[in-house]
Amino acid sequence: MHVLVTADTMSGAWTYTRELVTGLVTRGVRVTLVTFGEIPLPDQTAWMDLLHGLEYRPTAFRLEWMDEAPNDLADSSEFLFDLVRELKPDLLHLHQFCHANLPVDIPRVVMVHGDVITWSQAVQGCSPRPTRWLKWYRDTIIRGITAADAVVAPSACMLDSLLSTYARPRHASVIYPGRNPIFFNPYIGKEDSVLSVGRLLDAGKQVFLLTQHAHPFSICIVGAEQTVPLPRIPIRADVKVSTDQSCVAIRGPQTEAQLRALYSRAAVYAATARYEPLGMAALDAAFSRCALVANDIPSFREVWGDAALYFRTNDASSLAATLRQLDADRGLRHAYADRAYTRARERFTTTRMIDDYLELYRSLLASNSMAA
């Protein structure tokens, strides 16, 4: 089987792409990966080097949520169409809606990892202001959804939001994201610290909730979802604010090794986001055996169930109270760390994710073959 995968290099979805592509190639699937957005640096694509069966085609075409995306759509569509004609893949796995209506006679899967309108509804409490660009964006997504042979969402609540906001696809599936447990160390001794990932000014991640009250734990906020290359000359971009009552360290983007160490040492991970379709950071924390303290939103409830402690939706005071509870009861903290780790191992591995995708691919290919 040969699958052409398109991906976004400018968000936490790049981690998801890595898991998907690595998992497919490991299972004997030939993959051609095409990326949009910024061209990744060599260190960010080093994971591809040992993947025999992967061909990589980076591009700098704008992503569909960017203001000037309409200017690139015709060129990026022509590029993909020519590539399909050249390579003749069996199936397209797209991480953008805008290319799902390519005039090609092979199955097209669209994986939804977020969109502008549902983001605005969740984060700003309303739909974005109508503009000419927004009309183009909405129409483009509806065309993509209706043209796709299957639309995949990372949770049932994300799928419901998509259906109510845009259109109903021919076939819809929920395939939860997965991670490979070998990337994480769940057995190292924990420090009395809380980790969270997200930029302070990002209203969707709202890690700033951790700065509103004093906490018994030291707090570490990492300012980006994506890992960064290891610099040749170490650069410190950390800020540490300490008082008699609390300590908050704000760090810039981290390398993969640095992030792995932070996850492994943190006792608690604070999943503060109010919009989190993929939830890769919480998954990384669970595989590192962190206790999860999550914002009470539908996606976190759906994914983590009783394996996380929840604070009142978007409420910094409730978050602080939940952290105090975990500080006062070490046994409870350990119990929730074990719950999160067990749930991740049982439900959210790359192996399970790839099983689900291969089952979907085969059903689409079989249907396509019968139709031909």
Protein backbone atom coordinates (compact mmCIF):
# COMPACT_ATOMS: atom_id res chain seq x y z
CA MET A 1 0.00 0.00 0.00
CA HIS A 2 1.23 3.48 -0.89
CA VAL A 3 -0.23 6.45 1.04
CA LEU A 4 0.44 10.11 0.26
CA VAL A 5 0.25 12.10 3.50
CA THR A 6 0.04 15.89 3.70
CA ALA A 7 1.00 17.64 6.93
CA ASP A 8 1.24 20.95 8.76
CA THR A 9 4.72 21.82 10.09
CA MET A 10 3.61 24.80 12.17
CA SER A 11 1.74 23.31 15.11
CA GLY A 12 1.68 20.44 17.56
CA ALA A 13 0.24 18.39 14.70
CA TRP A 14 3.84 17.80 13.57
CA THR A 15 4.25 15.36 16.49
CA TYR A 16 1.08 13.60 15.36
CA THR A 17 2.46 13.38 11.80
CA ARG A 18 5.66 11.82 13.09
CA GLU A 19 3.72 9.10 14.92
CA LEU A 20 1.46 8.45 11.94
CA VAL A 21 4.20 8.27 9.33
CA THR A 22 6.60 6.24 11.48
CA GLY A 23 3.83 3.83 12.41
CA LEU A 24 2.72 3.32 8.82
CA VAL A 25 6.25 2.79 7.48
CA THR A 26 7.03 0.36 10.30
CA ARG A 27 4.00 -1.69 9.24
CA GLY A 28 5.26 -1.94 5.66
CA VAL A 29 3.28 0.93 4.12
CA ARG A 30 5.07 3.06 1.56
CA VAL A 31 4.56 6.74 2.47
CA THR A 32 5.12 9.95 0.55
CA LEU A 33 4.98 12.90 2.96
CA VAL A 34 4.23 16.40 1.65
CA THR A 35 4.41 19.30 4.11
CA PHE A 36 2.96 22.81 3.97
CA GLY A 37 3.87 25.91 5.93
CA GLU A 38 7.46 26.49 6.95
CA ILE A 39 10.23 24.21 5.69
CA PRO A 40 11.42 22.25 8.75
CA LEU A 41 15.06 22.43 9.78
CA PRO A 42 17.17 19.26 9.35
CA ASP A 43 17.11 18.52 13.09
CA GLN A 44 13.31 18.52 12.99
CA THR A 45 13.24 15.89 10.25
CA ALA A 46 16.06 13.70 11.59
CA TRP A 47 13.48 11.10 12.64
CA MET A 48 12.90 10.37 8.95
CA ASP A 49 16.47 9.27 8.26
CA LEU A 50 16.05 5.60 9.19
CA LEU A 51 12.56 5.18 7.75
CA HIS A 52 13.01 3.07 4.63
CA GLY A 53 9.83 3.42 2.62
CA LEU A 54 9.39 7.15 3.21
CA GLU A 55 9.79 9.85 0.57
CA TYR A 56 9.66 13.44 1.78
CA ARG A 57 8.57 16.45 -0.32
CA PRO A 58 8.65 19.72 1.73
CA THR A 59 6.88 22.81 0.38
CA ALA A 60 6.25 26.32 1.66
CA PHE A 61 2.67 26.66 0.41
CA ARG A 62 0.53 28.54 2.94
CA LEU A 63 -1.76 26.60 5.23
CA GLU A 64 -5.48 27.05 4.72
CA TRP A 65 -5.99 29.00 7.97
CA MET A 66 -3.50 31.69 6.92
CA ASP A 67 -4.76 35.05 5.66
CA GLU A 68 -3.14 34.72 2.23
CA ALA A 69 -3.94 31.02 1.76
CA PRO A 70 -6.35 31.68 -1.17
CA ASN A 71 -3.38 32.95 -3.18
CA ASP A 72 -1.62 29.58 -2.84
CA LEU A 73 -4.50 27.14 -3.20
CA ALA A 74 -4.44 26.80 -6.98
CA ASP A 75 -0.66 26.22 -7.02
CA SER A 76 -0.63 23.78 -4.11
CA SER A 77 -3.55 21.84 -5.62
CA GLU A 78 -1.77 21.64 -8.97
CA PHE A 79 1.40 20.48 -7.21
CA LEU A 80 -0.47 17.71 -5.39
CA PHE A 81 -2.41 16.69 -8.50
CA ASP A 82 0.83 16.36 -10.51
CA LEU A 83 2.42 14.40 -7.65
CA VAL A 84 -0.48 11.97 -7.51
CA ARG A 85 -0.29 11.50 -11.28
CA GLU A 86 3.48 10.90 -11.02
CA LEU A 87 3.59 8.57 -8.00
CA LYS A 88 0.17 6.88 -8.30
CA PRO A 89 -0.46 6.37 -4.55
CA ASP A 90 -3.32 4.16 -3.46
CA LEU A 91 -4.77 6.70 -1.04
CA LEU A 92 -4.51 10.35 0.11
CA HIS A 93 -4.32 11.10 3.84
CA LEU A 94 -4.78 14.86 4.14
CA HIS A 95 -4.35 17.14 7.14
CA GLN A 96 -5.92 20.08 5.33
CA PHE A 97 -9.50 20.28 4.08
CA CYS A 98 -8.66 22.33 1.02
CA HIS A 99 -7.18 19.50 -1.06
CA ALA A 100 -9.87 16.90 -0.46
CA ASN A 101 -11.65 17.81 -3.71
CA LEU A 102 -8.66 17.10 -5.95
CA PRO A 103 -9.94 15.50 -9.17
CA VAL A 104 -8.23 12.14 -8.58
CA ASP A 105 -9.75 8.69 -8.58
CA ILE A 106 -8.33 7.41 -5.29
CA PRO A 107 -9.77 7.49 -1.76
CA ARG A 108 -9.23 10.71 0.19
CA VAL A 109 -9.09 10.79 4.00
CA VAL A 110 -9.15 14.14 5.82
CA MET A 111 -7.89 14.19 9.41
CA VAL A 112 -9.26 17.15 11.40
CA HIS A 113 -6.83 18.60 13.94
CA GLY A 114 -8.59 21.94 14.42
CA ASP A 115 -10.10 24.81 12.47
CA VAL A 116 -10.57 28.56 12.81
CA ILE A 117 -14.32 28.66 13.46
CA THR A 118 -14.56 25.97 16.17
CA TRP A 119 -11.43 27.47 17.77
CA SER A 120 -13.10 30.88 17.88
CA GLN A 121 -16.31 29.44 19.30
CA ALA A 122 -14.44 27.62 22.07
CA VAL A 123 -11.88 30.31 22.91
CA GLN A 124 -13.72 33.56 22.20
CA GLY A 125 -17.24 32.33 22.85
CA CYS A 126 -18.52 33.32 19.42
CA SER A 127 -17.95 32.72 15.72
CA PRO A 128 -15.41 34.99 14.02
CA ARG A 129 -16.58 38.21 12.40
CA PRO A 130 -17.86 37.60 8.84
CA THR A 131 -15.32 38.64 6.22
CA ARG A 132 -14.60 37.77 2.62
CA TRP A 133 -11.70 35.57 3.75
CA LEU A 134 -13.91 33.75 6.31
CA LYS A 135 -16.49 32.99 3.61
CA TRP A 136 -13.71 31.55 1.43
CA TYR A 137 -12.43 29.52 4.38
CA ARG A 138 -15.84 28.14 5.35
CA ASP A 139 -16.74 27.27 1.75
CA THR A 140 -13.36 25.60 1.28
CA ILE A 141 -13.86 23.43 4.36
CA ILE A 142 -17.38 22.44 3.34
CA ARG A 143 -16.16 21.47 -0.13
CA GLY A 144 -13.38 19.42 1.43
CA ILE A 145 -15.67 17.62 3.88
CA THR A 146 -18.25 16.73 1.25
CA ALA A 147 -15.62 15.59 -1.28
CA ALA A 148 -13.62 13.41 1.14
CA ASP A 149 -14.27 9.69 1.21
CA ALA A 150 -13.74 9.76 4.99
CA VAL A 151 -13.26 12.41 7.65
CA VAL A 152 -11.35 11.43 10.79
CA ALA A 153 -11.56 13.38 14.05
CA PRO A 154 -9.38 12.90 17.15
CA SER A 155 -12.45 12.79 19.43
CA ALA A 156 -16.20 12.40 19.19
CA CYS A 157 -16.75 15.93 20.51
CA MET A 158 -14.48 17.37 17.79
CA LEU A 159 -16.42 15.41 15.20
CA ASP A 160 -19.73 16.71 16.57
CA SER A 161 -18.41 20.29 16.43
CA LEU A 162 -17.32 19.80 12.85
CA LEU A 163 -20.69 18.39 11.76
CA SER A 164 -22.68 21.14 13.45
CA THR A 165 -20.43 23.92 12.12
CA TYR A 166 -19.85 22.82 8.53
CA ALA A 167 -21.29 19.75 6.80
CA ARG A 168 -21.84 16.01 7.08
CA PRO A 169 -19.21 13.81 5.37
CA ARG A 170 -19.83 10.59 3.47
CA HIS A 171 -18.07 8.62 6.19
CA ALA A 172 -16.91 9.83 9.61
CA SER A 173 -14.60 8.09 12.08
CA VAL A 174 -13.03 8.86 15.43
CA ILE A 175 -9.42 7.72 15.71
CA TYR A 176 -7.74 8.84 18.90
CA PRO A 177 -4.13 10.08 18.65
CA GLY A 178 -1.39 7.73 19.81
CA ARG A 179 2.18 7.93 21.05
CA ASN A 180 5.00 5.42 21.21
CA PRO A 181 5.75 4.72 24.90
CA ILE A 182 9.48 4.28 24.21
CA PHE A 183 9.85 8.08 23.97
CA PHE A 184 9.08 8.54 27.67
CA ASN A 185 10.48 7.58 31.07
CA PRO A 186 7.70 6.84 33.58
CA TYR A 187 10.00 5.39 36.24
CA ILE A 188 12.27 8.27 37.27
CA GLY A 189 11.79 9.91 40.67
CA LYS A 190 9.32 12.78 40.62
CA GLU A 191 9.86 16.32 41.88
CA ASP A 192 7.19 18.41 43.58
CA SER A 193 6.52 20.33 40.40
CA VAL A 194 3.78 21.06 37.87
CA LEU A 195 4.46 21.22 34.13
CA SER A 196 2.32 22.84 31.45
CA VAL A 197 2.97 23.51 27.75
CA GLY A 198 1.74 26.57 25.89
CA ARG A 199 2.55 30.20 25.19
CA LEU A 200 1.45 32.63 27.91
CA LEU A 201 -0.36 34.81 25.38
CA ASP A 202 -2.23 31.88 23.76
CA ALA A 203 -5.86 32.23 24.85
CA GLY A 204 -6.61 28.70 23.69
CA LYS A 205 -3.94 27.08 25.87
CA GLN A 206 -4.51 29.59 28.72
CA VAL A 207 -1.48 28.44 30.73
CA PHE A 208 -1.70 31.87 32.34
CA LEU A 209 -4.24 30.29 34.73
CA LEU A 210 -1.20 28.93 36.58
CA THR A 211 0.07 32.45 37.28
CA GLN A 212 -3.10 33.75 38.99
CA HIS A 213 -2.64 32.15 42.43
CA ALA A 214 0.08 30.89 44.73
CA HIS A 215 0.73 27.15 44.51
CA PRO A 216 2.45 24.69 46.84
CA PHE A 217 4.27 23.23 43.81
CA SER A 218 6.94 24.88 41.71
CA ILE A 219 5.43 25.62 38.29
CA CYS A 220 7.18 25.19 34.94
CA ILE A 221 5.55 26.58 31.79
CA VAL A 222 7.14 25.62 28.46
CA GLY A 223 6.34 28.17 25.80
CA ALA A 224 5.74 26.03 22.72
CA GLU A 225 4.15 22.77 21.61
CA GLN A 226 6.81 21.97 19.06
CA THR A 227 10.29 20.79 19.91
CA VAL A 228 13.21 22.77 18.51
CA PRO A 229 16.64 21.80 17.16
CA LEU A 230 19.50 21.58 19.64
CA PRO A 231 21.39 24.88 19.28
CA ARG A 232 25.12 24.72 18.67
CA ILE A 233 25.57 27.44 21.29
CA PRO A 234 23.32 27.02 24.33
CA ILE A 235 20.82 29.87 24.59
CA ARG A 236 18.95 30.53 27.82
CA ALA A 237 15.51 32.07 27.46
CA ASP A 238 14.15 31.19 30.89
CA VAL A 239 12.39 33.52 33.29
CA LYS A 240 11.91 32.58 36.92
CA VAL A 241 9.57 34.43 39.25
CA SER A 242 9.79 33.45 42.92
CA THR A 243 7.97 34.68 46.00
CA ASP A 244 7.65 33.33 49.50
CA GLN A 245 4.54 31.45 48.38
CA SER A 246 5.22 30.23 44.87
CA CYS A 247 7.77 29.75 42.11
CA VAL A 248 6.97 29.96 38.39
CA ALA A 249 9.60 29.18 35.74
CA ILE A 250 8.75 30.20 32.17
CA ARG A 251 10.88 28.49 29.56
CA GLY A 252 11.13 28.93 25.83
CA PRO A 253 10.81 26.09 23.31
CA GLN A 254 12.70 22.95 24.30
CA THR A 255 14.51 20.17 22.47
CA GLU A 256 12.95 16.73 22.52
CA ALA A 257 15.44 15.54 25.14
CA GLN A 258 14.73 18.56 27.34
CA LEU A 259 10.98 18.06 27.10
CA ARG A 260 11.31 14.37 27.89
CA ALA A 261 13.28 15.23 31.04
CA LEU A 262 10.71 17.83 32.12
CA TYR A 263 7.83 15.40 31.67
CA SER A 264 9.63 12.61 33.49
CA ARG A 265 10.40 14.77 36.56
CA ALA A 266 7.08 16.60 36.88
CA ALA A 267 4.65 15.13 39.39
CA VAL A 268 1.66 16.85 37.79
CA TYR A 269 0.74 18.03 34.32
CA ALA A 270 -1.73 20.92 34.10
CA ALA A 271 -3.83 20.59 30.93
CA THR A 272 -5.28 24.09 31.01
CA ALA A 273 -6.45 24.44 27.38
CA ARG A 274 -9.98 25.49 26.53
CA TYR A 275 -9.60 24.16 22.95
CA GLU A 276 -7.58 20.97 22.52
CA PRO A 277 -8.50 18.73 19.57
CA LEU A 278 -5.30 16.65 19.59
CA GLY A 279 -4.12 16.82 23.20
CA MET A 280 -0.62 15.51 22.46
CA ALA A 281 1.01 17.25 25.45
CA ALA A 282 -1.36 15.61 27.95
CA LEU A 283 -0.69 12.28 26.26
CA ASP A 284 3.07 12.79 26.62
CA ALA A 285 2.54 13.61 30.31
CA ALA A 286 0.45 10.50 30.87
CA PHE A 287 3.12 8.27 29.31
CA SER A 288 5.59 9.96 31.67
CA ARG A 289 3.37 8.99 34.64
CA CYS A 290 2.34 12.53 35.57
CA ALA A 291 -0.93 13.05 37.41
CA LEU A 292 -3.23 14.95 35.05
CA VAL A 293 -5.13 18.03 36.22
CA ALA A 294 -7.37 19.04 33.32
CA ASN A 295 -9.69 21.87 32.42
CA ASP A 296 -13.24 20.52 32.51
CA ILE A 297 -13.96 20.61 28.77
CA PRO A 298 -15.60 17.83 26.72
CA SER A 299 -12.46 16.68 24.88
CA PHE A 300 -10.47 16.10 28.08
CA ARG A 301 -13.45 14.34 29.71
CA GLU A 302 -13.87 12.10 26.69
CA VAL A 303 -10.23 11.12 26.42
CA TRP A 304 -9.22 10.82 30.08
CA GLY A 305 -12.44 9.91 31.86
CA ASP A 306 -11.72 9.10 35.53
CA ALA A 307 -7.95 9.00 34.89
CA ALA A 308 -7.65 12.77 35.42
CA LEU A 309 -8.66 15.30 38.06
CA TYR A 310 -10.69 18.20 36.67
CA PHE A 311 -10.88 21.82 37.72
CA ARG A 312 -13.90 24.03 37.07
CA THR A 313 -13.92 25.17 33.45
CA ASN A 314 -11.44 28.02 32.84
CA ASP A 315 -11.30 28.77 36.59
CA ALA A 316 -7.87 29.63 38.03
CA SER A 317 -9.13 29.41 41.63
CA SER A 318 -10.44 25.89 41.08
CA LEU A 319 -7.15 24.90 39.44
CA ALA A 320 -5.23 26.19 42.46
CA ALA A 321 -7.53 24.27 44.84
CA THR A 322 -7.04 21.04 42.86
CA LEU A 323 -3.26 21.44 42.98
CA ARG A 324 -3.43 22.02 46.75
CA GLN A 325 -5.42 18.81 47.05
CA LEU A 326 -2.70 16.86 45.24
CA ASP A 327 0.00 18.48 47.34
CA ALA A 328 -1.75 17.52 50.58
CA ASP A 329 -2.41 13.93 49.50
CA ARG A 330 0.66 12.29 47.96
CA GLY A 331 -1.16 8.95 47.71
CA LEU A 332 -3.88 10.56 45.61
CA ARG A 333 -1.24 12.14 43.39
CA HIS A 334 0.43 8.76 42.81
CA ALA A 335 -2.93 7.08 42.17
CA TYR A 336 -3.86 9.58 39.45
CA ALA A 337 -0.41 9.33 37.88
CA ASP A 338 -0.87 5.55 37.65
CA ARG A 339 -4.38 5.96 36.26
CA ALA A 340 -3.22 8.30 33.51
CA TYR A 341 -0.28 6.05 32.62
CA THR A 342 -2.45 2.91 32.50
CA ARG A 343 -5.13 4.59 30.37
CA ALA A 344 -2.51 5.86 27.92
CA ARG A 345 -0.90 2.42 27.62
CA GLU A 346 -4.25 0.72 27.11
CA ARG A 347 -5.91 3.17 24.70
CA PHE A 348 -3.56 5.71 23.17
CA THR A 349 -0.52 3.98 21.70
CA THR A 350 0.73 4.46 18.16
CA THR A 351 0.14 0.75 17.54
CA ARG A 352 -3.58 1.12 18.26
CA MET A 353 -3.82 4.29 16.16
CA ILE A 354 -2.17 2.64 13.15
CA ASP A 355 -4.40 -0.42 13.50
CA ASP A 356 -7.43 1.87 13.24
CA TYR A 357 -6.05 3.75 10.24
CA LEU A 358 -5.11 0.59 8.36
CA GLU A 359 -8.60 -0.80 8.91
CA LEU A 360 -10.08 2.44 7.53
CA TYR A 361 -7.69 2.51 4.56
CA ARG A 362 -8.48 -1.09 3.60
CA SER A 363 -12.21 -0.53 3.77
CA LEU A 364 -11.95 2.55 1.55
CA LEU A 365 -9.69 0.78 -0.94
CA ALA A 366 -12.05 -2.18 -1.07
CA SER A 367 -15.03 0.11 -1.69
CA ASN A 368 -13.11 2.00 -4.35
CA SER A 369 -12.15 -1.26 -6.06
CA MET A 370 -15.75 -2.49 -6.08
CA ALA A 371 -16.96 0.82 -7.50
CA ALA A 372 -14.39 0.62 -10.30
